[in-house]
Amino acid sequence: MSDKNLENLIETIKREAIEAADIKVAEILENAKKEADAIIKSAEAKKASLIEEGEKIAESTINKGQNALKQAARDLTIILHNDIKHLFNEVLQQEVDASFTPDLVKTAVLKILEQIGTNTEVQLPDSLKNEVAVYIHKQLQQSKDVTKISANSSLVKGFAIAKEEEGWSYQITPKEVTELLKSQLSNQWKEILSSKQ
């Protein structure tokens, strides 16, 4: 074989090897590009899925937080209403208790006796018995009313009144009056508290 043929053969082999290598490189590059595209598509799908899942979790967390805040606000409102009603009750009790003066007891007992008539028994706290009894007897001396006035050591303030022949008796004390007023005022307090919401 001549040198020229040998050179042509080497050149042909070289060219064929380069062409085969170029084809192989192109094939490898094409496969790498396809694989890279698939990885990118998968990553983008996973990213979109993670974003969607994250948004759902965030929305759920926000909803739970808002519901918890609403519940806390309702609970706080109820506690506040109860505290205010308790405070109203305490103030009412103190005001009623302070208003049960000897003069009030004298006036109330006299008015009741004028309305219910004879054969009545009045029980008073030890501390008021003498003062109120003198006043009542003085006011009723013109009438033919028979009123028995006695001390009741269980009464601290107020009085008890009874008509044994009719089978009834009532205690009029700051506690009793407070409970009566509280039942009357409860609905008004509810309306006041509801209107401030």
C-alpha atoms as a PDB file:
ATOM      1  CA  MET A   1       0.000   0.000   0.000  1.00  0.00           C
ATOM      2  CA  SER A   2       1.281   3.297  -0.942  1.00  0.00           C
ATOM      3  CA  ASP A   3       1.823   6.092   1.456  1.00  0.00           C
ATOM      4  CA  LYS A   4      -0.912   8.052  -0.211  1.00  0.00           C
ATOM      5  CA  ASN A   5      -3.439   5.295   0.227  1.00  0.00           C
ATOM      6  CA  LEU A   6      -2.364   4.814   3.755  1.00  0.00           C
ATOM      7  CA  GLU A   7      -2.812   8.484   4.420  1.00  0.00           C
ATOM      8  CA  ASN A   8      -6.249   8.421   2.776  1.00  0.00           C
ATOM      9  CA  LEU A   9      -7.189   5.400   4.840  1.00  0.00           C
ATOM     10  CA  ILE A  10      -6.018   7.058   8.026  1.00  0.00           C
ATOM     11  CA  GLU A  11      -7.824  10.222   7.021  1.00  0.00           C
ATOM     12  CA  THR A  12     -11.008   8.299   6.291  1.00  0.00           C
ATOM     13  CA  ILE A  13     -10.802   6.398   9.588  1.00  0.00           C
ATOM     14  CA  LYS A  14     -10.124   9.635  11.372  1.00  0.00           C
ATOM     15  CA  ARG A  15     -13.019  11.377   9.700  1.00  0.00           C
ATOM     16  CA  GLU A  16     -15.351   8.443  10.347  1.00  0.00           C
ATOM     17  CA  ALA A  17     -14.245   8.331  14.002  1.00  0.00           C
ATOM     18  CA  ILE A  18     -14.801  12.079  14.329  1.00  0.00           C
ATOM     19  CA  GLU A  19     -18.182  11.819  12.629  1.00  0.00           C
ATOM     20  CA  ALA A  20     -19.112   8.866  14.851  1.00  0.00           C
ATOM     21  CA  ALA A  21     -17.877  10.789  17.893  1.00  0.00           C
ATOM     22  CA  ASP A  22     -19.832  13.867  16.761  1.00  0.00           C
ATOM     23  CA  ILE A  23     -22.956  11.738  16.306  1.00  0.00           C
ATOM     24  CA  LYS A  24     -22.386  10.139  19.716  1.00  0.00           C
ATOM     25  CA  VAL A  25     -21.788  13.596  21.294  1.00  0.00           C
ATOM     26  CA  ALA A  26     -24.944  14.926  19.626  1.00  0.00           C
ATOM     27  CA  GLU A  27     -26.850  11.878  20.869  1.00  0.00           C
ATOM     28  CA  ILE A  28     -25.436  12.285  24.398  1.00  0.00           C
ATOM     29  CA  LEU A  29     -26.228  16.012  24.294  1.00  0.00           C
ATOM     30  CA  GLU A  30     -29.765  15.283  23.037  1.00  0.00           C
ATOM     31  CA  ASN A  31     -30.297  12.697  25.787  1.00  0.00           C
ATOM     32  CA  ALA A  32     -28.832  15.060  28.392  1.00  0.00           C
ATOM     33  CA  LYS A  33     -31.090  17.858  27.136  1.00  0.00           C
ATOM     34  CA  LYS A  34     -34.143  15.557  27.265  1.00  0.00           C
ATOM     35  CA  GLU A  35     -33.169  14.392  30.746  1.00  0.00           C
ATOM     36  CA  ALA A  36     -32.573  17.984  31.873  1.00  0.00           C
ATOM     37  CA  ASP A  37     -35.958  19.026  30.424  1.00  0.00           C
ATOM     38  CA  ALA A  38     -37.634  16.112  32.250  1.00  0.00           C
ATOM     39  CA  ILE A  39     -35.876  17.061  35.511  1.00  0.00           C
ATOM     40  CA  ILE A  40     -36.916  20.719  35.065  1.00  0.00           C
ATOM     41  CA  LYS A  41     -40.528  19.706  34.266  1.00  0.00           C
ATOM     42  CA  SER A  42     -40.608  17.408  37.293  1.00  0.00           C
ATOM     43  CA  ALA A  43     -39.077  20.107  39.502  1.00  0.00           C
ATOM     44  CA  GLU A  44     -41.578  22.685  38.228  1.00  0.00           C
ATOM     45  CA  ALA A  45     -44.486  20.279  38.836  1.00  0.00           C
ATOM     46  CA  LYS A  46     -43.130  19.513  42.310  1.00  0.00           C
ATOM     47  CA  LYS A  47     -42.615  23.246  42.936  1.00  0.00           C
ATOM     48  CA  ALA A  48     -46.205  23.990  41.844  1.00  0.00           C
ATOM     49  CA  SER A  49     -47.479  21.137  44.033  1.00  0.00           C
ATOM     50  CA  LEU A  50     -45.444  22.361  47.011  1.00  0.00           C
ATOM     51  CA  ILE A  51     -46.639  25.946  46.480  1.00  0.00           C
ATOM     52  CA  GLU A  52     -50.267  24.788  46.242  1.00  0.00           C
ATOM     53  CA  GLU A  53     -49.871  22.607  49.329  1.00  0.00           C
ATOM     54  CA  GLY A  54     -48.147  25.465  51.167  1.00  0.00           C
ATOM     55  CA  GLU A  55     -50.957  27.861  50.210  1.00  0.00           C
ATOM     56  CA  LYS A  56     -53.562  25.361  51.462  1.00  0.00           C
ATOM     57  CA  ILE A  57     -51.677  24.911  54.746  1.00  0.00           C
ATOM     58  CA  ALA A  58     -51.273  28.682  55.112  1.00  0.00           C
ATOM     59  CA  GLU A  59     -54.976  29.249  54.371  1.00  0.00           C
ATOM     60  CA  SER A  60     -55.954  26.516  56.840  1.00  0.00           C
ATOM     61  CA  THR A  61     -53.649  28.008  59.485  1.00  0.00           C
ATOM     62  CA  ILE A  62     -55.082  31.488  58.880  1.00  0.00           C
ATOM     63  CA  ASN A  63     -58.653  30.128  59.124  1.00  0.00           C
ATOM     64  CA  LYS A  64     -57.838  28.264  62.326  1.00  0.00           C
ATOM     65  CA  GLY A  65     -56.216  31.392  63.737  1.00  0.00           C
ATOM     66  CA  GLN A  66     -59.198  33.546  62.799  1.00  0.00           C
ATOM     67  CA  ASN A  67     -61.626  31.017  64.302  1.00  0.00           C
ATOM     68  CA  ALA A  68     -59.524  30.849  67.463  1.00  0.00           C
ATOM     69  CA  LEU A  69     -59.526  34.667  67.659  1.00  0.00           C
ATOM     70  CA  LYS A  70     -63.311  34.779  67.163  1.00  0.00           C
ATOM     71  CA  GLN A  71     -63.793  32.145  69.875  1.00  0.00           C
ATOM     72  CA  ALA A  72     -61.436  34.013  72.193  1.00  0.00           C
ATOM     73  CA  ALA A  73     -63.366  37.241  71.518  1.00  0.00           C
ATOM     74  CA  ARG A  74     -66.679  35.467  72.289  1.00  0.00           C
ATOM     75  CA  ASP A  75     -65.208  33.957  75.456  1.00  0.00           C
ATOM     76  CA  LEU A  76     -63.812  37.315  76.514  1.00  0.00           C
ATOM     77  CA  THR A  77     -67.167  38.994  75.841  1.00  0.00           C
ATOM     78  CA  ILE A  78     -68.971  36.411  77.962  1.00  0.00           C
ATOM     79  CA  ILE A  79     -66.425  36.744  80.768  1.00  0.00           C
ATOM     80  CA  LEU A  80     -66.638  40.524  80.572  1.00  0.00           C
ATOM     81  CA  HIS A  81     -70.462  40.453  80.619  1.00  0.00           C
ATOM     82  CA  ASN A  82     -70.415  38.131  83.616  1.00  0.00           C
ATOM     83  CA  ASP A  83     -67.862  40.322  85.407  1.00  0.00           C
ATOM     84  CA  ILE A  84     -69.911  43.449  84.697  1.00  0.00           C
ATOM     85  CA  LYS A  85     -73.128  41.764  85.870  1.00  0.00           C
ATOM     86  CA  HIS A  86     -71.320  40.596  89.007  1.00  0.00           C
ATOM     87  CA  LEU A  87     -70.037  44.132  89.566  1.00  0.00           C
ATOM     88  CA  PHE A  88     -73.557  45.535  89.021  1.00  0.00           C
ATOM     89  CA  ASN A  89     -74.892  43.014  91.536  1.00  0.00           C
ATOM     90  CA  GLU A  90     -72.231  43.962  94.089  1.00  0.00           C
ATOM     91  CA  VAL A  91     -72.923  47.684  93.646  1.00  0.00           C
ATOM     92  CA  LEU A  92     -76.678  47.081  93.820  1.00  0.00           C
ATOM     93  CA  GLN A  93     -76.237  45.038  97.012  1.00  0.00           C
ATOM     94  CA  GLN A  94     -74.134  47.794  98.586  1.00  0.00           C
ATOM     95  CA  GLU A  95     -76.555  50.540  97.551  1.00  0.00           C
ATOM     96  CA  VAL A  96     -79.606  48.653  98.811  1.00  0.00           C
ATOM     97  CA  ASP A  97     -77.807  47.755 102.037  1.00  0.00           C
ATOM     98  CA  ALA A  98     -76.806  51.386 102.575  1.00  0.00           C
ATOM     99  CA  SER A  99     -80.380  52.570 101.963  1.00  0.00           C
ATOM    100  CA  PHE A 100     -81.809  50.367 104.747  1.00  0.00           C
ATOM    101  CA  THR A 101     -81.581  53.124 107.354  1.00  0.00           C
ATOM    102  CA  PRO A 102     -83.700  53.256 110.512  1.00  0.00           C
ATOM    103  CA  ASP A 103     -85.817  55.966 108.868  1.00  0.00           C
ATOM    104  CA  LEU A 104     -86.505  53.760 105.852  1.00  0.00           C
ATOM    105  CA  VAL A 105     -87.473  50.855 108.109  1.00  0.00           C
ATOM    106  CA  LYS A 106     -89.792  53.096 110.161  1.00  0.00           C
ATOM    107  CA  THR A 107     -91.493  54.437 107.033  1.00  0.00           C
ATOM    108  CA  ALA A 108     -91.791  51.020 105.350  1.00  0.00           C
ATOM    109  CA  VAL A 109     -93.174  49.282 108.428  1.00  0.00           C
ATOM    110  CA  LEU A 110     -95.699  52.051 109.014  1.00  0.00           C
ATOM    111  CA  LYS A 111     -96.884  51.997 105.377  1.00  0.00           C
ATOM    112  CA  ILE A 112     -97.273  48.225 105.450  1.00  0.00           C
ATOM    113  CA  LEU A 113     -99.161  48.298 108.730  1.00  0.00           C
ATOM    114  CA  GLU A 114    -101.498  50.945 107.358  1.00  0.00           C
ATOM    115  CA  GLN A 115    -102.248  48.670 104.386  1.00  0.00           C
ATOM    116  CA  ILE A 116    -102.648  45.282 106.072  1.00  0.00           C
ATOM    117  CA  GLY A 117    -104.456  46.291 109.239  1.00  0.00           C
ATOM    118  CA  THR A 118    -104.779  44.634 112.638  1.00  0.00           C
ATOM    119  CA  ASN A 119    -103.266  41.598 114.343  1.00  0.00           C
ATOM    120  CA  THR A 120     -99.869  41.923 112.706  1.00  0.00           C
ATOM    121  CA  GLU A 121     -96.496  40.913 114.108  1.00  0.00           C
ATOM    122  CA  VAL A 122     -93.378  42.885 113.210  1.00  0.00           C
ATOM    123  CA  GLN A 123     -89.905  41.553 113.943  1.00  0.00           C
ATOM    124  CA  LEU A 124     -86.963  43.938 113.951  1.00  0.00           C
ATOM    125  CA  PRO A 125     -83.212  43.655 114.432  1.00  0.00           C
ATOM    126  CA  ASP A 126     -82.146  44.075 118.068  1.00  0.00           C
ATOM    127  CA  SER A 127     -80.431  47.349 117.206  1.00  0.00           C
ATOM    128  CA  LEU A 128     -83.635  48.933 115.786  1.00  0.00           C
ATOM    129  CA  LYS A 129     -86.355  47.405 117.942  1.00  0.00           C
ATOM    130  CA  ASN A 130     -86.686  50.148 120.549  1.00  0.00           C
ATOM    131  CA  GLU A 131     -86.360  53.106 118.170  1.00  0.00           C
ATOM    132  CA  VAL A 132     -88.784  51.747 115.560  1.00  0.00           C
ATOM    133  CA  ALA A 133     -91.252  50.349 118.137  1.00  0.00           C
ATOM    134  CA  VAL A 134     -91.593  53.739 119.836  1.00  0.00           C
ATOM    135  CA  TYR A 135     -92.119  55.450 116.478  1.00  0.00           C
ATOM    136  CA  ILE A 136     -94.685  52.896 115.265  1.00  0.00           C
ATOM    137  CA  HIS A 137     -96.687  52.941 118.505  1.00  0.00           C
ATOM    138  CA  LYS A 138     -96.646  56.728 118.474  1.00  0.00           C
ATOM    139  CA  GLN A 139     -97.922  56.835 114.887  1.00  0.00           C
ATOM    140  CA  LEU A 140    -100.534  54.137 115.408  1.00  0.00           C
ATOM    141  CA  GLN A 141    -101.848  55.243 118.813  1.00  0.00           C
ATOM    142  CA  GLN A 142    -104.891  56.810 117.170  1.00  0.00           C
ATOM    143  CA  SER A 143    -105.915  53.594 115.429  1.00  0.00           C
ATOM    144  CA  LYS A 144    -107.249  50.423 116.976  1.00  0.00           C
ATOM    145  CA  ASP A 145    -104.522  48.410 115.325  1.00  0.00           C
ATOM    146  CA  VAL A 146    -103.006  45.647 117.436  1.00  0.00           C
ATOM    147  CA  THR A 147     -99.400  45.264 116.422  1.00  0.00           C
ATOM    148  CA  LYS A 148     -96.872  43.094 118.176  1.00  0.00           C
ATOM    149  CA  ILE A 149     -93.290  44.297 117.774  1.00  0.00           C
ATOM    150  CA  SER A 150     -90.478  41.970 118.786  1.00  0.00           C
ATOM    151  CA  ALA A 151     -86.738  41.575 118.284  1.00  0.00           C
ATOM    152  CA  ASN A 152     -85.336  38.932 115.951  1.00  0.00           C
ATOM    153  CA  SER A 153     -81.629  38.314 116.468  1.00  0.00           C
ATOM    154  CA  SER A 154     -81.304  36.626 113.053  1.00  0.00           C
ATOM    155  CA  LEU A 155     -82.188  39.919 111.341  1.00  0.00           C
ATOM    156  CA  VAL A 156     -79.243  42.242 110.843  1.00  0.00           C
ATOM    157  CA  LYS A 157     -81.049  44.823 108.710  1.00  0.00           C
ATOM    158  CA  GLY A 158     -84.617  45.102 107.550  1.00  0.00           C
ATOM    159  CA  PHE A 159     -87.650  43.553 109.192  1.00  0.00           C
ATOM    160  CA  ALA A 160     -90.075  40.644 109.081  1.00  0.00           C
ATOM    161  CA  ILE A 161     -93.831  41.014 109.076  1.00  0.00           C
ATOM    162  CA  ALA A 162     -96.437  38.293 109.629  1.00  0.00           C
ATOM    163  CA  LYS A 163    -100.151  37.716 110.034  1.00  0.00           C
ATOM    164  CA  GLU A 164    -100.499  34.384 111.770  1.00  0.00           C
ATOM    165  CA  GLU A 165    -104.284  34.247 111.373  1.00  0.00           C
ATOM    166  CA  GLU A 166    -103.857  34.469 107.584  1.00  0.00           C
ATOM    167  CA  GLY A 167    -100.811  32.173 107.579  1.00  0.00           C
ATOM    168  CA  TRP A 168     -98.226  34.367 105.906  1.00  0.00           C
ATOM    169  CA  SER A 169     -94.980  36.087 106.758  1.00  0.00           C
ATOM    170  CA  TYR A 170     -92.385  38.007 104.781  1.00  0.00           C
ATOM    171  CA  GLN A 171     -88.854  39.148 105.446  1.00  0.00           C
ATOM    172  CA  ILE A 172     -87.909  42.476 103.945  1.00  0.00           C
ATOM    173  CA  THR A 173     -84.117  42.632 104.083  1.00  0.00           C
ATOM    174  CA  PRO A 174     -81.451  44.173 101.872  1.00  0.00           C
ATOM    175  CA  LYS A 175     -80.737  40.710 100.456  1.00  0.00           C
ATOM    176  CA  GLU A 176     -84.396  40.094  99.555  1.00  0.00           C
ATOM    177  CA  VAL A 177     -84.802  43.548  98.003  1.00  0.00           C
ATOM    178  CA  THR A 178     -81.534  43.150  96.077  1.00  0.00           C
ATOM    179  CA  GLU A 179     -82.662  39.799  94.642  1.00  0.00           C
ATOM    180  CA  LEU A 180     -85.995  41.304  93.614  1.00  0.00           C
ATOM    181  CA  LEU A 181     -84.332  44.317  91.976  1.00  0.00           C
ATOM    182  CA  LYS A 182     -81.718  42.102  90.335  1.00  0.00           C
ATOM    183  CA  SER A 183     -84.410  39.974  88.701  1.00  0.00           C
ATOM    184  CA  GLN A 184     -86.091  43.146  87.415  1.00  0.00           C
ATOM    185  CA  LEU A 185     -82.847  44.740  86.232  1.00  0.00           C
ATOM    186  CA  SER A 186     -81.259  41.635  84.679  1.00  0.00           C
ATOM    187  CA  ASN A 187     -83.020  42.070  81.330  1.00  0.00           C
ATOM    188  CA  GLN A 188     -82.159  45.771  81.233  1.00  0.00           C
ATOM    189  CA  TRP A 189     -78.501  44.975  81.985  1.00  0.00           C
ATOM    190  CA  LYS A 190     -78.496  42.385  79.205  1.00  0.00           C
ATOM    191  CA  GLU A 191     -79.890  44.956  76.762  1.00  0.00           C
ATOM    192  CA  ILE A 192     -77.309  47.550  77.853  1.00  0.00           C
ATOM    193  CA  LEU A 193     -74.458  45.071  77.473  1.00  0.00           C
ATOM    194  CA  SER A 194     -75.750  43.810  74.118  1.00  0.00           C
ATOM    195  CA  SER A 195     -76.102  47.317  72.713  1.00  0.00           C
ATOM    196  CA  LYS A 196     -72.427  48.093  73.482  1.00  0.00           C
ATOM    197  CA  GLN A 197     -71.097  45.216  71.362  1.00  0.00           C
END
